[in-house]
Protein backbone atom coordinates (compact mmCIF):
# COMPACT_ATOMS: atom_id res chain seq x y z
CA MET A 1 2.56 -3.78 -6.44
CA LYS A 2 -0.24 -4.80 -8.79
CA THR A 3 -3.76 -4.69 -7.39
CA LEU A 4 -6.80 -6.41 -8.90
CA VAL A 5 -10.08 -4.61 -8.13
CA LEU A 6 -13.45 -6.33 -8.48
CA VAL A 7 -15.82 -4.18 -10.55
CA GLU A 8 -19.41 -4.26 -9.34
CA HIS A 9 -21.87 -3.84 -12.19
CA ASP A 10 -25.20 -4.98 -13.61
CA ASN A 11 -23.79 -5.86 -17.04
CA THR A 12 -24.73 -2.35 -18.13
CA GLU A 13 -22.96 0.16 -15.90
CA VAL A 14 -20.33 0.35 -13.17
CA LYS A 15 -21.66 0.70 -9.61
CA ASP A 16 -20.41 3.62 -7.50
CA ALA A 17 -18.90 1.30 -4.90
CA THR A 18 -16.19 0.39 -7.42
CA LEU A 19 -14.92 3.97 -7.63
CA ALA A 20 -14.06 4.11 -3.91
CA ALA A 21 -12.34 0.71 -4.19
CA VAL A 22 -10.20 2.06 -7.04
CA THR A 23 -9.09 4.98 -4.85
CA ALA A 24 -8.07 2.56 -2.09
CA ALA A 25 -6.24 0.29 -4.54
CA SER A 26 -4.33 3.23 -6.06
CA LYS A 27 -2.63 3.72 -2.70
CA LEU A 28 -1.08 0.27 -3.09
CA GLY A 29 0.30 0.68 -6.61
CA GLU A 30 -0.76 -0.19 -10.15
CA VAL A 31 -4.52 -0.68 -10.49
CA HIS A 32 -6.07 -3.40 -12.67
CA LEU A 33 -9.81 -4.09 -12.80
CA LEU A 34 -11.75 -7.33 -13.18
CA VAL A 35 -15.01 -7.10 -15.11
CA ALA A 36 -16.78 -10.46 -15.03
CA GLY A 37 -20.21 -10.67 -16.57
CA ALA A 38 -22.23 -11.54 -19.66
CA ASP A 39 -22.39 -9.22 -22.68
CA CYS A 40 -20.55 -6.67 -20.57
CA ALA A 41 -18.03 -5.20 -23.03
CA GLY A 42 -19.63 -1.80 -22.47
CA VAL A 43 -18.92 -2.06 -18.75
CA ALA A 44 -15.27 -2.87 -19.47
CA ASP A 45 -14.97 0.16 -21.76
CA ALA A 46 -16.49 2.40 -19.08
CA ALA A 47 -14.22 0.89 -16.42
CA ALA A 48 -11.16 1.62 -18.56
CA LYS A 49 -12.04 5.32 -18.43
CA ILE A 50 -11.87 5.45 -14.61
CA ALA A 51 -9.00 7.69 -13.55
CA GLY A 52 -5.92 5.78 -12.41
CA VAL A 53 -6.78 2.45 -14.03
CA GLY A 54 -4.01 0.77 -16.04
CA LYS A 55 -5.73 -2.35 -17.36
CA VAL A 56 -9.15 -3.97 -17.38
CA HIS A 57 -9.43 -7.78 -17.44
CA LEU A 58 -12.67 -8.68 -19.22
CA ALA A 59 -14.21 -12.11 -18.61
CA ASP A 60 -17.37 -12.38 -20.69
CA ASP A 61 -19.25 -15.59 -20.00
CA ALA A 62 -22.87 -16.52 -19.26
CA ALA A 63 -21.63 -18.09 -16.00
CA TYR A 64 -20.80 -14.60 -14.68
CA LYS A 65 -24.09 -12.93 -15.63
CA ASP A 66 -25.41 -12.73 -12.07
CA MET A 67 -22.01 -12.40 -10.34
CA LEU A 68 -22.34 -15.67 -8.45
CA ALA A 69 -19.45 -15.81 -5.99
CA GLU A 70 -18.85 -19.51 -6.61
CA ASN A 71 -18.10 -18.78 -10.27
CA ILE A 72 -16.19 -15.50 -9.98
CA ALA A 73 -13.89 -16.45 -7.07
CA PRO A 74 -11.95 -19.12 -9.05
CA LEU A 75 -11.46 -16.60 -11.87
CA ALA A 76 -10.16 -13.94 -9.49
CA ALA A 77 -7.89 -16.45 -7.74
CA LYS A 78 -6.45 -17.49 -11.11
CA LEU A 79 -5.70 -13.87 -12.05
CA MET A 80 -4.02 -13.34 -8.68
CA ALA A 81 -1.03 -15.29 -10.01
CA ASP A 82 0.00 -12.01 -11.64
CA HIS A 83 -1.24 -9.65 -8.92
CA ASP A 84 -0.23 -8.88 -5.36
CA ALA A 85 -3.58 -7.78 -3.91
CA PHE A 86 -7.28 -8.36 -4.51
CA VAL A 87 -9.58 -5.50 -3.52
CA ALA A 88 -13.38 -5.63 -3.40
CA PRO A 89 -15.91 -3.09 -2.14
CA ALA A 90 -17.34 -4.00 1.27
CA THR A 91 -20.80 -4.51 -0.21
CA THR A 92 -23.02 -7.58 -0.27
CA THR A 93 -21.36 -8.74 -3.49
CA GLY A 94 -17.81 -7.94 -2.40
CA LYS A 95 -18.26 -9.60 0.98
CA ASN A 96 -19.55 -12.70 -0.79
CA ILE A 97 -16.68 -13.02 -3.26
CA ALA A 98 -13.60 -11.85 -1.34
CA PRO A 99 -13.63 -14.57 1.39
CA ARG A 100 -13.79 -17.26 -1.28
CA VAL A 101 -10.83 -15.73 -3.08
CA ALA A 102 -8.91 -15.63 0.21
CA ALA A 103 -9.73 -19.29 0.86
CA LEU A 104 -8.59 -20.35 -2.61
CA LEU A 105 -5.32 -18.45 -2.09
CA ASP A 106 -5.02 -19.76 1.50
CA VAL A 107 -4.50 -16.29 2.96
CA MET A 108 -6.21 -14.26 5.66
CA GLN A 109 -8.57 -11.52 4.51
CA ILE A 110 -8.58 -8.00 5.97
CA SER A 111 -12.13 -6.67 6.04
CA GLU A 112 -13.67 -3.19 6.02
CA VAL A 113 -10.39 -1.35 5.38
CA MET A 114 -10.75 2.35 6.25
CA SER A 115 -7.27 3.61 5.33
CA VAL A 116 -4.06 2.40 3.75
CA GLU A 117 -1.09 3.14 6.00
CA GLY A 118 1.54 1.18 4.06
CA ASP A 119 2.00 -1.63 1.54
CA LYS A 120 0.63 -4.14 4.04
CA THR A 121 -0.64 -1.93 6.87
CA PHE A 122 -4.26 -0.86 7.15
CA THR A 123 -6.84 0.44 9.61
CA ARG A 124 -10.21 -1.23 10.12
CA PRO A 125 -13.09 -0.87 12.62
CA ILE A 126 -13.61 -3.27 15.52
CA TYR A 127 -16.19 -3.41 18.33
CA ALA A 128 -18.95 -2.11 16.04
CA GLY A 129 -16.80 0.82 15.03
CA ASN A 130 -16.10 1.98 18.59
CA ALA A 131 -12.39 1.35 18.07
CA ILE A 132 -10.12 1.45 15.04
CA ALA A 133 -7.42 -1.21 14.78
CA THR A 134 -4.19 -0.86 12.81
CA VAL A 135 -3.32 -4.22 11.30
CA GLU A 136 -0.37 -5.48 9.29
CA SER A 137 -0.52 -8.47 6.98
CA THR A 138 2.30 -11.01 6.69
CA GLU A 139 0.76 -12.74 3.66
CA ASP A 140 2.41 -12.80 0.23
CA LYS A 141 -0.96 -12.03 -1.37
CA LEU A 142 -3.45 -9.54 0.07
CA VAL A 143 -7.23 -9.88 -0.01
CA LEU A 144 -9.10 -6.79 1.16
CA THR A 145 -12.61 -5.42 1.32
CA VAL A 146 -12.74 -1.64 1.60
CA ARG A 147 -15.38 0.55 3.20
CA GLY A 148 -16.64 2.84 0.46
CA THR A 149 -17.54 5.69 2.80
CA ALA A 150 -13.91 5.97 3.96
CA PHE A 151 -12.45 6.73 0.51
CA ASP A 152 -13.20 9.40 -2.08
CA LYS A 153 -14.63 8.14 -5.33
CA ALA A 154 -12.23 7.99 -8.25
CA GLU A 155 -13.20 10.08 -11.27
CA ALA A 156 -15.32 8.02 -13.66
CA GLU A 157 -13.82 9.79 -16.67
CA GLY A 158 -10.31 10.76 -17.69
CA GLY A 159 -8.56 7.40 -17.54
CA SER A 160 -6.96 5.59 -20.46
CA GLY A 161 -6.77 1.96 -19.40
CA THR A 162 -6.57 -0.90 -21.86
CA VAL A 163 -9.08 -3.76 -22.06
CA GLU A 164 -7.73 -7.30 -22.19
CA THR A 165 -9.95 -10.35 -22.63
CA VAL A 166 -9.02 -13.20 -20.28
CA GLU A 167 -9.80 -16.89 -20.36
CA THR A 168 -12.84 -17.70 -18.27
CA THR A 169 -13.12 -20.47 -15.70
CA GLY A 170 -16.77 -21.20 -16.55
CA ASN A 171 -19.55 -22.45 -14.31
CA ALA A 172 -18.38 -24.15 -11.11
CA GLY A 173 -21.71 -25.98 -10.94
CA THR A 174 -22.05 -25.54 -7.18
CA SER A 175 -24.76 -22.88 -7.19
CA GLU A 176 -27.54 -21.65 -9.43
CA PHE A 177 -29.16 -18.25 -9.80
CA VAL A 178 -32.92 -18.56 -9.20
CA SER A 179 -34.42 -15.07 -9.02
CA ARG A 180 -33.86 -11.53 -7.83
CA GLU A 181 -36.47 -9.29 -6.26
CA LEU A 182 -35.53 -5.63 -6.43
CA ALA A 183 -37.38 -2.78 -4.77
CA LYS A 184 -37.72 -0.18 -7.52
CA SER A 185 -37.70 3.44 -6.44
CA GLU A 186 -37.11 6.84 -7.98
CA ARG A 187 -35.25 7.84 -4.84
CA PRO A 188 -31.44 8.00 -4.73
CA GLU A 189 -29.65 4.76 -3.78
CA LEU A 190 -29.23 4.63 -0.01
CA THR A 191 -25.45 4.15 -0.03
CA SER A 192 -24.78 7.00 -2.47
CA ALA A 193 -27.47 9.55 -1.50
CA SER A 194 -26.36 12.98 -0.31
CA VAL A 195 -29.29 13.16 2.15
CA VAL A 196 -30.76 10.25 4.12
CA VAL A 197 -33.88 10.34 6.31
CA SER A 198 -34.04 7.38 8.71
CA GLY A 199 -36.78 6.32 11.06
CA GLY A 200 -36.74 4.11 14.13
CA ARG A 201 -39.01 1.91 16.18
CA ALA A 202 -40.70 4.97 17.73
CA LEU A 203 -42.72 5.32 14.51
CA LYS A 204 -44.97 2.50 15.76
CA ASP A 205 -45.94 0.79 12.47
CA ALA A 206 -45.47 0.76 8.69
CA GLU A 207 -48.35 3.18 8.05
CA THR A 208 -46.99 5.73 10.54
CA PHE A 209 -43.49 5.37 9.10
CA GLU A 210 -44.88 6.13 5.64
CA GLU A 211 -46.97 9.04 6.92
CA TYR A 212 -44.14 10.87 8.69
CA ILE A 213 -40.87 9.86 7.00
CA THR A 214 -41.84 9.76 3.31
CA PRO A 215 -43.12 13.37 2.98
CA LEU A 216 -39.94 14.71 4.62
CA ALA A 217 -37.75 12.59 2.36
CA ASP A 218 -39.73 13.78 -0.67
CA LYS A 219 -39.17 17.43 0.26
CA LEU A 220 -35.43 16.84 0.71
CA GLY A 221 -34.99 14.54 -2.31
CA ALA A 222 -33.54 12.05 0.15
CA ALA A 223 -33.11 8.31 0.39
CA ILE A 224 -35.01 6.55 3.17
CA GLY A 225 -33.25 4.47 5.82
CA ALA A 226 -34.24 2.74 9.02
CA SER A 227 -32.86 1.22 12.19
CA ARG A 228 -32.74 -2.54 12.57
CA ALA A 229 -35.56 -2.35 15.11
CA ALA A 230 -37.81 -0.68 12.52
CA VAL A 231 -36.88 -3.27 9.89
CA ASP A 232 -37.39 -6.21 12.26
CA ALA A 233 -40.79 -4.78 13.21
CA GLY A 234 -41.80 -4.83 9.56
CA TYR A 235 -42.09 -1.08 9.01
CA VAL A 236 -39.85 -1.18 5.91
CA PRO A 237 -37.91 -3.78 3.84
CA ASN A 238 -34.42 -5.02 4.75
CA ASP A 239 -32.93 -2.87 1.97
CA TYR A 240 -33.56 0.19 4.13
CA GLN A 241 -31.53 -0.95 7.12
CA VAL A 242 -28.59 1.23 8.16
CA GLY A 243 -26.09 -0.12 10.66
CA GLN A 244 -23.52 -2.75 11.47
CA THR A 245 -25.64 -5.52 9.92
CA GLY A 246 -27.16 -3.23 7.29
CA LYS A 247 -25.76 -0.59 4.96
CA ILE A 248 -22.94 1.82 5.73
CA VAL A 249 -23.76 5.38 4.68
CA ALA A 250 -21.97 8.72 4.88
CA PRO A 251 -24.25 11.36 3.33
CA GLU A 252 -23.91 15.12 3.60
CA ALA A 253 -26.92 15.13 5.93
CA TYR A 254 -28.39 12.25 7.95
CA PHE A 255 -31.73 12.66 9.72
CA ALA A 256 -32.21 10.19 12.60
CA ILE A 257 -35.88 10.36 13.59
CA GLY A 258 -37.12 8.33 16.53
CA ILE A 259 -33.82 6.43 16.64
CA SER A 260 -32.23 5.97 20.07
CA GLY A 261 -28.74 5.42 18.69
CA ALA A 262 -27.61 1.89 19.58
CA ILE A 263 -23.94 1.32 18.74
CA GLN A 264 -24.95 -1.09 15.97
CA HIS A 265 -26.83 1.71 14.22
CA LEU A 266 -24.14 4.32 14.85
CA ALA A 267 -21.62 2.02 13.14
CA GLY A 268 -23.52 2.51 9.90
CA MET A 269 -23.96 6.29 9.86
CA LYS A 270 -21.60 8.10 12.21
CA ASP A 271 -19.31 9.13 9.33
CA SER A 272 -22.12 11.33 7.96
CA LYS A 273 -21.04 14.94 7.46
CA THR A 274 -23.98 16.38 9.44
CA ILE A 275 -26.23 14.34 11.74
CA ILE A 276 -29.63 15.74 12.72
CA ALA A 277 -31.47 13.85 15.47
CA ILE A 278 -35.07 14.19 16.62
CA ASN A 279 -35.97 12.25 19.75
CA LYS A 280 -38.08 13.00 22.81
CA ASP A 281 -35.57 11.29 25.13
CA GLU A 282 -32.86 13.84 25.89
CA ASP A 283 -30.57 11.06 27.15
CA ALA A 284 -30.76 9.06 23.91
CA PRO A 285 -27.24 8.00 22.76
CA ILE A 286 -27.92 9.46 19.30
CA PHE A 287 -27.41 12.95 20.73
CA GLN A 288 -23.80 12.10 21.56
CA VAL A 289 -22.93 11.96 17.86
CA ALA A 290 -25.50 14.42 16.52
CA ASP A 291 -24.39 17.80 15.19
CA ILE A 292 -27.92 19.12 15.58
CA GLY A 293 -30.28 17.65 18.16
CA LEU A 294 -33.94 18.41 18.79
CA VAL A 295 -35.55 17.04 21.94
CA ALA A 296 -39.17 16.88 20.84
CA ASP A 297 -42.08 14.60 20.01
CA LEU A 298 -41.39 13.51 16.44
CA PHE A 299 -45.13 13.34 15.71
CA LYS A 300 -45.27 17.11 16.16
CA ALA A 301 -41.78 18.13 15.05
CA VAL A 302 -41.55 16.20 11.77
CA PRO A 303 -44.80 17.54 10.22
CA GLU A 304 -43.77 21.09 11.21
CA LEU A 305 -40.34 20.62 9.64
CA THR A 306 -41.84 19.12 6.50
CA GLU A 307 -44.32 21.99 6.19
CA LYS A 308 -41.63 24.66 6.48
CA LEU A 309 -39.32 23.14 3.87
């Protein structure tokens, strides 16, 4: 079985999410990568070095510069004539492109794959992650998005794949890139950080969130996350949201501060290696998944913890 994996990149370097997708794809058979971008030959060369990769399909065209799904999906669908499965990371970009590829191929997509049980058998979460379903596809072509936290990252070095330039499909003309606003930070990226400090609605407002969460994150060299309630209340930007409708994380240590633990939030962080919860409500659902729980007023406990680190 030949699998085509979508490479996420910024025309300069390969994003970490791709490495987990390569690991998932390797369980299906031969792994080929699709690098679509503008002036991205360097990305293709780096992708070819990923362990387990046999071939990299390079599509270099200005139409792919910003990875617009409307332009990349027809290209991926065209390449699927010689592949059996299309795999994309379950990120914002992957979730945007994969459904369009599935539609063009007229097949059903399997989303958020957590394990590969056979050539066409997979597990995926349902009911906000409270249950895991085993599903089997009957399609001739597979289209999958894979949850990065469920698979180890492939080694970025050590591979010896070949780079092959493919004919591009150009600009579909149905969408146009206008602008991108990125929150720049020296902190680790939320989805790849080894330590995450998250705050909830109990932090009252943006100033209090900054006052209590940021110093602790600085001491730990951690990324900052938040519950949806905190994001909706305007404490922090949407980029910080962890949960079913936010980002899925699985760090070595996850600090849940002032977060009650709604199932939508747990869906985004319960795979963390160690979960530390601080909440004054001893019956908060977060304590059911926490490895270490402290029933205390966060406004007293967090400064003390920060001071002792």
